[in-house]
Amino acid sequence: MGEDTAADVEVAAGAAVDVEAGAKAVGKATTEVWFYHLERAPLERVLPTLLERTLARGWRAVVQVGSKARLAELDELLWTYRDDSFLAHGTPRDGAAAHQPIYLTTGSETPNGAQVRFLVEGAEPGDLGPFERAILIFDGRDEAAREAARAEWRAAEAAGHSVTYWQQDEAGRWQQKK
């Protein structure tokens, strides 16, 4: 864990996730694909903040993870990540998926009509076209994760999507890189 504070992560994430500015305009055929390179804060600190920002803009989210074990961990995290708050969400075992503001899954389904798809820890992106934005979060300390993110970047560009790369600076703030 880095030296950043929860406020730094929240402010930085808020600056990066300007969901309203990225909303699909009529006739826009591409999805914005944002790559978040984790270096200073772990997924457990970054993901809840990004999800809060997404919901604050009136969007629903799907969080796709690479394994059932990780899905269970994130399920617990979103209920308990802060003493004074939680993020309402559901998983395939919970039912009422269409009503969930955040849906956690290991698959490609989007039963809640989400505008944003989060891809973490080995999740296979599939077709990103239906989404306003896709956010791929990867661990910058893991060489295999970096290589997979590079391959997804190339695939997203080849599919005609708009791609953006975000990396944490020394202070833990998100900086757009190109």
Protein backbone atom coordinates (compact mmCIF):
# COMPACT_ATOMS: atom_id res chain seq x y z
CA MET A 1 0.00 0.00 0.00
CA GLY A 2 1.35 3.43 -0.92
CA GLU A 3 1.51 6.65 1.03
CA ASP A 4 -1.67 8.09 -0.49
CA THR A 5 -4.71 8.79 1.62
CA ALA A 6 -8.26 7.74 0.90
CA ALA A 7 -9.00 11.37 0.00
CA ASP A 8 -6.14 11.40 -2.53
CA VAL A 9 -7.46 8.26 -4.19
CA GLU A 10 -11.01 9.65 -4.22
CA VAL A 11 -9.97 13.01 -5.67
CA ALA A 12 -7.70 11.40 -8.21
CA ALA A 13 -10.33 8.89 -9.24
CA GLY A 14 -12.93 11.63 -9.48
CA ALA A 15 -10.71 13.59 -11.82
CA ALA A 16 -10.17 10.55 -14.01
CA VAL A 17 -13.72 9.24 -14.02
CA ASP A 18 -15.58 12.18 -15.49
CA VAL A 19 -18.41 9.94 -16.54
CA GLU A 20 -20.67 12.70 -17.87
CA ALA A 21 -17.98 14.02 -20.21
CA GLY A 22 -17.54 10.56 -21.68
CA ALA A 23 -21.19 9.75 -22.28
CA LYS A 24 -21.89 8.42 -25.74
CA ALA A 25 -23.21 11.06 -28.06
CA VAL A 26 -25.89 10.19 -30.57
CA GLY A 27 -24.20 8.34 -33.40
CA LYS A 28 -20.95 7.71 -31.53
CA ALA A 29 -19.87 4.20 -32.44
CA THR A 30 -16.92 3.70 -30.12
CA THR A 31 -16.53 2.90 -26.48
CA GLU A 32 -14.04 4.75 -24.33
CA VAL A 33 -11.65 2.17 -22.94
CA TRP A 34 -9.67 3.40 -19.96
CA PHE A 35 -6.70 1.50 -18.61
CA TYR A 36 -5.85 2.03 -14.94
CA HIS A 37 -2.29 1.01 -14.05
CA LEU A 38 -2.24 0.33 -10.30
CA GLU A 39 1.05 1.11 -8.59
CA ARG A 40 0.40 2.99 -5.34
CA ALA A 41 -3.02 1.79 -4.18
CA PRO A 42 -4.47 -1.71 -4.46
CA LEU A 43 -7.64 -2.63 -6.31
CA GLU A 44 -9.50 -2.80 -2.98
CA ARG A 45 -8.99 0.96 -2.50
CA VAL A 46 -9.40 2.09 -6.09
CA LEU A 47 -12.41 0.08 -7.26
CA PRO A 48 -14.93 1.33 -4.67
CA THR A 49 -14.04 4.95 -5.43
CA LEU A 50 -14.40 4.44 -9.18
CA LEU A 51 -17.74 2.70 -8.63
CA GLU A 52 -18.97 5.54 -6.40
CA ARG A 53 -18.10 8.06 -9.11
CA THR A 54 -19.85 5.98 -11.75
CA LEU A 55 -23.05 5.72 -9.70
CA ALA A 56 -22.94 9.43 -8.82
CA ARG A 57 -23.22 10.16 -12.55
CA GLY A 58 -26.34 8.02 -12.86
CA TRP A 59 -24.67 5.07 -14.54
CA ARG A 60 -24.87 1.39 -13.67
CA ALA A 61 -21.81 -0.83 -13.64
CA VAL A 62 -20.80 -4.41 -14.24
CA VAL A 63 -17.60 -5.56 -12.57
CA GLN A 64 -16.21 -8.61 -14.34
CA VAL A 65 -13.52 -10.57 -12.49
CA GLY A 66 -11.33 -13.47 -13.51
CA SER A 67 -12.35 -15.99 -10.83
CA LYS A 68 -15.19 -16.98 -8.51
CA ALA A 69 -12.88 -16.65 -5.51
CA ARG A 70 -12.08 -13.04 -6.39
CA LEU A 71 -15.76 -12.33 -7.05
CA ALA A 72 -16.54 -13.48 -3.49
CA GLU A 73 -13.80 -11.23 -2.09
CA LEU A 74 -15.04 -8.17 -3.98
CA ASP A 75 -18.63 -8.98 -3.01
CA GLU A 76 -17.63 -8.75 0.67
CA LEU A 77 -15.45 -5.68 0.07
CA LEU A 78 -18.26 -3.60 -1.45
CA TRP A 79 -20.43 -4.18 1.62
CA THR A 80 -17.67 -3.38 4.10
CA TYR A 81 -15.03 -1.12 2.51
CA ARG A 82 -15.93 1.84 4.76
CA ASP A 83 -17.49 2.00 8.19
CA ASP A 84 -19.98 4.66 7.14
CA SER A 85 -20.92 3.42 3.66
CA PHE A 86 -21.39 0.47 1.34
CA LEU A 87 -22.03 -0.02 -2.34
CA ALA A 88 -25.28 -1.82 -3.11
CA HIS A 89 -24.65 -4.59 -5.60
CA GLY A 90 -25.50 -8.12 -6.58
CA THR A 91 -23.96 -11.28 -7.95
CA PRO A 92 -25.41 -14.13 -10.00
CA ARG A 93 -26.40 -15.97 -6.80
CA ASP A 94 -28.38 -13.00 -5.41
CA GLY A 95 -31.16 -12.74 -8.00
CA ALA A 96 -32.89 -9.56 -9.17
CA ALA A 97 -29.87 -8.82 -11.34
CA ALA A 98 -31.75 -6.32 -13.51
CA HIS A 99 -32.29 -4.11 -10.46
CA GLN A 100 -28.67 -4.02 -9.26
CA PRO A 101 -26.79 -0.72 -9.67
CA ILE A 102 -23.56 -2.74 -9.61
CA TYR A 103 -23.41 -6.34 -10.78
CA LEU A 104 -20.39 -8.56 -10.07
CA THR A 105 -19.73 -11.48 -12.40
CA THR A 106 -17.12 -13.78 -13.88
CA GLY A 107 -18.99 -13.84 -17.19
CA SER A 108 -19.87 -11.50 -20.01
CA GLU A 109 -23.52 -10.93 -19.07
CA THR A 110 -24.88 -7.44 -18.39
CA PRO A 111 -28.30 -8.05 -16.84
CA ASN A 112 -28.53 -4.60 -15.23
CA GLY A 113 -28.16 -2.53 -18.42
CA ALA A 114 -24.81 -1.14 -17.27
CA GLN A 115 -23.17 1.71 -19.15
CA VAL A 116 -19.74 0.98 -17.65
CA ARG A 117 -17.92 -2.34 -17.59
CA PHE A 118 -15.02 -2.78 -15.17
CA LEU A 119 -12.56 -5.55 -16.01
CA VAL A 120 -10.24 -6.73 -13.26
CA GLU A 121 -7.75 -9.50 -12.61
CA GLY A 122 -7.89 -11.59 -15.72
CA ALA A 123 -11.42 -10.84 -16.90
CA GLU A 124 -11.84 -11.39 -20.64
CA PRO A 125 -13.28 -8.20 -22.16
CA GLY A 126 -15.37 -9.62 -24.99
CA ASP A 127 -17.47 -7.10 -26.95
CA LEU A 128 -17.13 -3.64 -25.43
CA GLY A 129 -19.28 -1.95 -28.07
CA PRO A 130 -22.48 -1.80 -26.01
CA PHE A 131 -20.85 0.26 -23.24
CA GLU A 132 -20.21 3.96 -22.88
CA ARG A 133 -16.97 3.14 -21.13
CA ALA A 134 -14.91 0.09 -20.23
CA ILE A 135 -12.36 0.35 -17.45
CA LEU A 136 -9.59 -2.20 -17.34
CA ILE A 137 -7.73 -2.11 -14.01
CA PHE A 138 -4.44 -3.96 -13.80
CA ASP A 139 -1.63 -4.42 -11.28
CA GLY A 140 1.44 -2.62 -12.59
CA ARG A 141 3.73 -4.81 -10.45
CA ASP A 142 2.58 -7.98 -12.24
CA GLU A 143 4.39 -8.51 -15.55
CA ALA A 144 1.72 -10.89 -16.87
CA ALA A 145 -1.01 -8.34 -16.05
CA ARG A 146 0.96 -5.59 -17.85
CA GLU A 147 1.40 -7.77 -20.92
CA ALA A 148 -2.30 -8.68 -20.93
CA ALA A 149 -3.21 -4.98 -20.65
CA ARG A 150 -0.95 -4.16 -23.60
CA ALA A 151 -2.67 -6.84 -25.68
CA GLU A 152 -6.10 -5.49 -24.69
CA TRP A 153 -4.97 -1.96 -25.60
CA ARG A 154 -4.02 -3.14 -29.09
CA ALA A 155 -7.32 -5.04 -29.44
CA ALA A 156 -9.36 -2.02 -28.30
CA GLU A 157 -7.56 0.26 -30.77
CA ALA A 158 -8.04 -2.29 -33.57
CA ALA A 159 -11.77 -2.39 -32.76
CA GLY A 160 -11.92 1.38 -33.21
CA HIS A 161 -12.42 2.27 -29.55
CA SER A 162 -10.96 5.38 -27.95
CA VAL A 163 -8.25 4.31 -25.49
CA THR A 164 -6.79 6.23 -22.57
CA TYR A 165 -4.08 5.22 -20.09
CA TRP A 166 -4.07 6.35 -16.47
CA GLN A 167 -1.16 5.80 -14.09
CA GLN A 168 -0.66 6.76 -10.46
CA ASP A 169 2.05 9.32 -9.83
CA GLU A 170 4.36 9.43 -6.80
CA ALA A 171 1.60 11.09 -4.74
CA GLY A 172 -0.96 8.42 -5.73
CA ARG A 173 -2.91 10.74 -8.02
CA TRP A 174 -4.10 9.58 -11.42
CA GLN A 175 -2.28 11.07 -14.39
CA GLN A 176 -3.32 10.55 -17.98
CA LYS A 177 -0.43 9.21 -20.04
CA LYS A 178 -0.14 8.64 -23.75
